[in-house]
Amino acid sequence: MVPDEREDVPAEVLQRELEIGLAHALPGVEIVDRDLGLGTIAADLVGVDPQGRLVLVLIPEDPGDASVLTAIDAMSQARGTLALLARHLEEPRLALDLAPQIVLVGERFEPRTIERLSVFDELELRLLEVREVRSARSVSTFFVDPGAGAAGAPPKLEARGVENFLVGLDEDQRAGTELLVRRLERVGEGVQLVAAGERLEWRFRGAPLCSVAPVGDELQANFPRGAPRPLVEAEDFETFVEGAIERYFDLLDGPPQDEDLQDVEIVPPADTGPILTPEEIEAFRE
């Protein structure tokens, strides 16, 4: 459990606050178990993401060099025992063909630790640091990506990761995805693209905007708290960009809320013109 100075607060309340905070940092991940122990794995929380990936949340006592070994060991153990873990959890949504994701949570990770663990894809390993906001009204706990950089940082495009992602797509999906990358790069300052092998995810100020991932032969779009949407026609890609813009302006107004964009009417900013030009739509159809 993340250390907390409020000794008078029951443990179950602190546990619930932890899960609420992680719900924003890990959108779509559903917690299915707690306090998992198997071999050297000691996971505080166990979750499943929308794609069926097993997510293990670890809160190491030492966020320094020891956490590097903890993370690597947990990844190896989880991969080798995934089928056994699936049987124990009795969770039918678990996808045995997807490598588990390890999430390390700590108050502060040393810069050297962040650098050493940055070699792993985010879908394999993710670091989250705790930020606590106190006032007379309440105490709020947030979890942020220590590698996301300061708000307002220039957009980051991981070209190699994007190229690897495109390899597995058919011609139409590849063309549509390339348009998404170019369009969302222009949405605004601070928008960051994270390419993690099986998924492209866009973020703003550390909060998720949207993501795309192949599921079978289909390319699917995902928004926080929303059901996946297929990307087939050119208009689907345009609607996806409009949804990302809507989400961007929502985040400009304040911190992420527990929302479902599936139920939000998407209205593009006035006087911006079409998100995709007629020539680009025609090129995609060809």
Protein backbone atom coordinates (compact mmCIF):
# COMPACT_ATOMS: atom_id res chain seq x y z
CA MET A 1 0.00 0.00 0.00
CA VAL A 2 1.23 3.53 -0.77
CA PRO A 3 2.32 5.20 2.50
CA ASP A 4 -0.29 7.54 3.99
CA GLU A 5 0.09 9.84 6.99
CA ARG A 6 -3.62 9.73 7.88
CA GLU A 7 -3.38 7.10 10.61
CA ASP A 8 -7.03 7.55 11.59
CA VAL A 9 -8.31 6.55 8.14
CA PRO A 10 -9.37 2.86 7.86
CA ALA A 11 -7.28 0.68 5.54
CA GLU A 12 -10.29 -0.16 3.39
CA VAL A 13 -10.88 3.56 2.75
CA LEU A 14 -7.25 4.05 1.69
CA GLN A 15 -7.55 0.98 -0.56
CA ARG A 16 -10.65 2.45 -2.20
CA GLU A 17 -8.92 5.81 -2.75
CA LEU A 18 -6.02 3.97 -4.38
CA GLU A 19 -8.35 2.16 -6.76
CA ILE A 20 -10.24 5.35 -7.66
CA GLY A 21 -6.99 7.16 -8.42
CA LEU A 22 -5.71 4.29 -10.54
CA ALA A 23 -8.98 4.24 -12.49
CA HIS A 24 -7.99 7.59 -14.02
CA ALA A 25 -4.38 6.59 -14.64
CA LEU A 26 -5.33 3.18 -16.09
CA PRO A 27 -8.55 3.87 -18.04
CA GLY A 28 -10.65 0.83 -18.76
CA VAL A 29 -8.75 -1.45 -16.38
CA GLU A 30 -11.10 -3.33 -14.04
CA ILE A 31 -9.75 -4.52 -10.71
CA VAL A 32 -10.64 -8.19 -10.26
CA ASP A 33 -8.52 -9.23 -7.25
CA ARG A 34 -6.09 -7.99 -4.60
CA ASP A 35 -3.01 -9.16 -2.69
CA LEU A 36 -1.91 -11.74 -5.24
CA GLY A 37 1.07 -13.91 -4.36
CA LEU A 38 2.77 -16.42 -6.66
CA GLY A 39 6.45 -17.25 -6.37
CA THR A 40 8.25 -13.92 -6.18
CA ILE A 41 5.21 -11.98 -7.48
CA ALA A 42 3.47 -9.86 -4.83
CA ALA A 43 0.82 -7.76 -6.58
CA ASP A 44 -1.28 -5.34 -4.54
CA LEU A 45 -3.97 -5.15 -7.23
CA VAL A 46 -4.90 -7.39 -10.17
CA GLY A 47 -6.79 -6.01 -13.15
CA VAL A 48 -7.89 -6.74 -16.69
CA ASP A 49 -7.75 -4.11 -19.46
CA PRO A 50 -10.33 -3.77 -22.29
CA GLN A 51 -8.21 -6.00 -24.57
CA GLY A 52 -8.11 -8.80 -21.98
CA ARG A 53 -4.54 -8.11 -20.83
CA LEU A 54 -3.64 -9.03 -17.26
CA VAL A 55 -2.51 -5.95 -15.30
CA LEU A 56 -0.53 -6.39 -12.08
CA VAL A 57 -0.13 -3.32 -9.85
CA LEU A 58 2.92 -3.52 -7.57
CA ILE A 59 3.77 -1.02 -4.84
CA PRO A 60 7.41 -1.74 -3.91
CA GLU A 61 8.73 -0.59 -0.55
CA ASP A 62 11.88 0.72 -2.24
CA PRO A 63 11.27 2.80 -5.40
CA GLY A 64 15.01 2.82 -6.12
CA ASP A 65 17.27 0.29 -7.83
CA ALA A 66 15.56 -2.64 -6.12
CA SER A 67 12.34 -1.84 -8.00
CA VAL A 68 14.15 -2.51 -11.30
CA LEU A 69 14.74 -6.12 -10.27
CA THR A 70 11.21 -6.33 -8.86
CA ALA A 71 9.72 -5.23 -12.19
CA ILE A 72 11.84 -7.51 -14.37
CA ASP A 73 11.24 -10.50 -12.11
CA ALA A 74 7.47 -9.84 -12.05
CA MET A 75 7.32 -9.62 -15.84
CA SER A 76 9.16 -12.91 -16.23
CA GLN A 77 7.09 -14.69 -13.57
CA ALA A 78 3.77 -13.37 -14.89
CA ARG A 79 4.51 -14.45 -18.47
CA GLY A 80 5.56 -17.93 -17.41
CA THR A 81 2.56 -18.49 -15.17
CA LEU A 82 -0.16 -16.65 -17.10
CA ALA A 83 -2.25 -19.76 -17.71
CA LEU A 84 -2.04 -20.67 -14.02
CA LEU A 85 -3.01 -17.16 -12.99
CA ALA A 86 -5.99 -17.25 -15.36
CA ARG A 87 -7.21 -20.47 -13.75
CA HIS A 88 -6.82 -19.00 -10.28
CA LEU A 89 -8.62 -15.76 -11.11
CA GLU A 90 -11.40 -17.56 -13.01
CA GLU A 91 -11.58 -14.52 -15.28
CA PRO A 92 -12.91 -15.47 -18.76
CA ARG A 93 -11.85 -12.14 -20.29
CA LEU A 94 -8.13 -12.82 -19.81
CA ALA A 95 -6.31 -13.14 -23.14
CA LEU A 96 -3.54 -15.70 -22.83
CA ASP A 97 -1.89 -14.42 -26.04
CA LEU A 98 -1.23 -10.96 -24.55
CA ALA A 99 1.79 -10.45 -22.31
CA PRO A 100 0.84 -9.13 -18.84
CA GLN A 101 1.47 -5.49 -17.96
CA ILE A 102 3.32 -4.62 -14.76
CA VAL A 103 2.48 -1.26 -13.14
CA LEU A 104 4.89 0.00 -10.47
CA VAL A 105 3.47 2.63 -8.11
CA GLY A 106 5.68 4.73 -5.82
CA GLU A 107 5.94 8.14 -4.21
CA ARG A 108 9.02 9.08 -6.25
CA PHE A 109 11.18 7.00 -8.59
CA GLU A 110 14.83 7.90 -8.93
CA PRO A 111 15.82 9.30 -12.36
CA ARG A 112 18.19 6.38 -12.85
CA THR A 113 15.36 3.91 -12.19
CA ILE A 114 13.10 5.66 -14.71
CA GLU A 115 15.87 5.62 -17.31
CA ARG A 116 16.72 1.94 -16.79
CA LEU A 117 13.09 0.86 -17.09
CA SER A 118 12.35 3.07 -20.10
CA VAL A 119 13.68 0.34 -22.42
CA PHE A 120 10.45 -1.60 -21.94
CA ASP A 121 7.27 -0.95 -23.91
CA GLU A 122 4.56 0.71 -21.87
CA LEU A 123 2.30 -2.29 -22.39
CA GLU A 124 4.95 -4.37 -20.63
CA LEU A 125 5.85 -2.00 -17.82
CA ARG A 126 4.52 1.33 -16.59
CA LEU A 127 5.62 3.59 -13.74
CA LEU A 128 3.18 5.77 -11.80
CA GLU A 129 4.13 8.29 -9.12
CA VAL A 130 1.80 9.42 -6.33
CA ARG A 131 0.75 13.05 -6.03
CA GLU A 132 -1.37 14.05 -3.05
CA VAL A 133 -3.37 17.28 -2.87
CA ARG A 134 -4.53 18.38 0.59
CA SER A 135 -6.90 21.13 1.63
CA ALA A 136 -9.38 21.86 4.42
CA ARG A 137 -12.06 20.31 2.22
CA SER A 138 -10.47 16.96 1.48
CA VAL A 139 -7.42 14.96 0.49
CA SER A 140 -7.08 13.74 -3.11
CA THR A 141 -4.61 11.21 -4.47
CA PHE A 142 -3.49 11.25 -8.10
CA PHE A 143 -1.16 9.01 -10.08
CA VAL A 144 1.04 10.52 -12.80
CA ASP A 145 3.50 9.18 -15.35
CA PRO A 146 7.00 10.38 -14.29
CA GLY A 147 8.12 10.19 -17.93
CA ALA A 148 5.27 12.26 -19.37
CA GLY A 149 7.10 15.56 -18.87
CA ALA A 150 5.69 18.92 -17.84
CA ALA A 151 2.37 20.21 -19.10
CA GLY A 152 2.80 22.14 -22.29
CA ALA A 153 5.79 20.10 -23.46
CA PRO A 154 6.04 19.71 -27.24
CA PRO A 155 4.31 16.72 -28.81
CA LYS A 156 6.37 13.56 -28.90
CA LEU A 157 6.15 11.27 -31.93
CA GLU A 158 7.80 7.87 -31.54
CA ALA A 159 8.46 7.25 -35.22
CA ARG A 160 9.95 3.79 -34.81
CA GLY A 161 7.04 2.62 -32.67
CA VAL A 162 4.52 3.97 -35.17
CA GLU A 163 6.27 2.17 -38.01
CA ASN A 164 6.21 -1.10 -36.06
CA PHE A 165 2.51 -0.62 -35.36
CA LEU A 166 1.75 -0.04 -39.05
CA VAL A 167 3.48 -3.23 -40.16
CA GLY A 168 0.62 -5.46 -39.04
CA LEU A 169 -2.16 -3.42 -40.69
CA ASP A 170 -3.69 -3.83 -44.12
CA GLU A 171 -3.35 -1.06 -46.71
CA ASP A 172 -6.55 0.80 -45.83
CA GLN A 173 -5.93 0.60 -42.08
CA ARG A 174 -2.37 1.81 -42.58
CA ALA A 175 -3.47 4.81 -44.63
CA GLY A 176 -6.15 5.76 -42.10
CA THR A 177 -3.76 5.42 -39.16
CA GLU A 178 -1.13 7.58 -40.85
CA LEU A 179 -3.77 10.28 -41.28
CA LEU A 180 -4.68 10.00 -37.59
CA VAL A 181 -1.06 10.47 -36.56
CA ARG A 182 -0.67 13.56 -38.75
CA ARG A 183 -3.98 15.13 -37.68
CA LEU A 184 -3.67 14.53 -33.96
CA GLU A 185 -0.13 15.89 -34.01
CA ARG A 186 -1.72 19.28 -34.81
CA VAL A 187 -4.44 19.24 -32.14
CA GLY A 188 -2.52 21.29 -29.58
CA GLU A 189 0.61 21.67 -27.49
CA GLY A 190 1.17 18.99 -24.90
CA VAL A 191 -0.45 16.16 -26.87
CA GLN A 192 1.85 13.15 -26.71
CA LEU A 193 1.78 10.01 -28.82
CA VAL A 194 2.91 6.79 -27.14
CA ALA A 195 3.57 3.88 -29.50
CA ALA A 196 3.70 0.63 -27.56
CA GLY A 197 3.78 -2.21 -30.05
CA GLU A 198 0.16 -3.32 -30.09
CA ARG A 199 -1.39 0.08 -29.46
CA LEU A 200 -1.09 3.77 -30.28
CA GLU A 201 -2.19 6.01 -27.43
CA TRP A 202 -2.49 9.79 -27.36
CA ARG A 203 -2.26 11.70 -24.07
CA PHE A 204 -2.54 15.24 -22.84
CA ARG A 205 -0.94 16.34 -19.55
CA GLY A 206 -0.50 12.68 -18.68
CA ALA A 207 -4.22 11.88 -19.10
CA PRO A 208 -5.39 9.60 -21.94
CA LEU A 209 -7.08 11.20 -24.94
CA CYS A 210 -7.73 8.15 -27.08
CA SER A 211 -6.06 5.07 -28.53
CA VAL A 212 -6.23 2.65 -31.45
CA ALA A 213 -5.42 -1.06 -31.42
CA PRO A 214 -5.95 -4.01 -33.78
CA VAL A 215 -8.37 -6.65 -32.56
CA GLY A 216 -8.39 -9.62 -34.91
CA ASP A 217 -8.74 -8.26 -38.43
CA GLU A 218 -10.37 -5.07 -37.18
CA LEU A 219 -8.84 -1.77 -36.12
CA GLN A 220 -10.59 -0.37 -33.05
CA ALA A 221 -10.74 3.09 -31.51
CA ASN A 222 -10.92 3.54 -27.76
CA PHE A 223 -11.84 6.49 -25.54
CA PRO A 224 -11.64 6.47 -21.72
CA ARG A 225 -14.72 4.81 -20.26
CA GLY A 226 -16.19 4.22 -23.73
CA ALA A 227 -16.80 1.01 -25.65
CA PRO A 228 -14.40 0.27 -28.55
CA ARG A 229 -15.47 1.58 -31.97
CA PRO A 230 -14.43 0.00 -35.29
CA LEU A 231 -12.42 2.08 -37.76
CA VAL A 232 -13.45 0.94 -41.23
CA GLU A 233 -14.52 3.84 -43.44
CA ALA A 234 -12.78 7.18 -43.88
CA GLU A 235 -15.63 8.82 -41.99
CA ASP A 236 -14.86 6.58 -38.99
CA PHE A 237 -11.35 8.01 -38.80
CA GLU A 238 -12.69 11.55 -39.08
CA THR A 239 -15.18 10.95 -36.28
CA PHE A 240 -12.37 9.52 -34.18
CA VAL A 241 -10.30 12.69 -34.59
CA GLU A 242 -13.32 14.81 -33.70
CA GLY A 243 -13.78 12.77 -30.52
CA ALA A 244 -10.10 13.28 -29.64
CA ILE A 245 -10.49 17.04 -30.10
CA GLU A 246 -13.58 17.03 -27.88
CA ARG A 247 -11.64 15.14 -25.22
CA TYR A 248 -8.72 17.58 -25.56
CA PHE A 249 -10.92 20.59 -24.85
CA ASP A 250 -12.52 18.77 -21.91
CA LEU A 251 -9.08 18.26 -20.39
CA LEU A 252 -8.19 21.92 -20.96
CA ASP A 253 -11.04 22.84 -18.61
CA GLY A 254 -9.77 20.72 -15.72
CA PRO A 255 -8.60 17.31 -14.52
CA PRO A 256 -10.05 14.15 -16.09
CA GLN A 257 -13.54 13.24 -14.95
CA ASP A 258 -15.13 9.83 -14.73
CA GLU A 259 -16.86 10.19 -18.05
CA ASP A 260 -18.04 8.07 -20.94
CA LEU A 261 -17.46 9.67 -24.33
CA GLN A 262 -19.71 7.05 -25.87
CA ASP A 263 -22.65 9.11 -24.62
CA VAL A 264 -21.28 12.53 -25.54
CA GLU A 265 -22.40 14.22 -28.70
CA ILE A 266 -19.25 15.13 -30.58
CA VAL A 267 -19.24 18.69 -31.86
CA PRO A 268 -16.03 19.81 -33.65
CA PRO A 269 -14.67 23.31 -32.92
CA ALA A 270 -16.37 26.00 -34.98
CA ASP A 271 -14.83 27.26 -38.21
CA THR A 272 -12.06 24.67 -38.30
CA GLY A 273 -13.18 23.07 -41.54
CA PRO A 274 -13.16 19.31 -42.10
CA ILE A 275 -10.70 17.29 -40.07
CA LEU A 276 -9.72 15.38 -43.23
CA THR A 277 -9.48 17.23 -46.52
CA PRO A 278 -11.51 15.91 -49.49
CA GLU A 279 -8.24 14.88 -51.14
CA GLU A 280 -7.19 12.85 -48.08
CA ILE A 281 -10.57 11.17 -47.82
CA GLU A 282 -10.43 10.29 -51.50
CA ALA A 283 -6.87 8.99 -51.13
CA PHE A 284 -7.96 6.78 -48.26
CA ARG A 285 -10.86 5.35 -50.29
CA GLU A 286 -8.52 4.54 -53.14
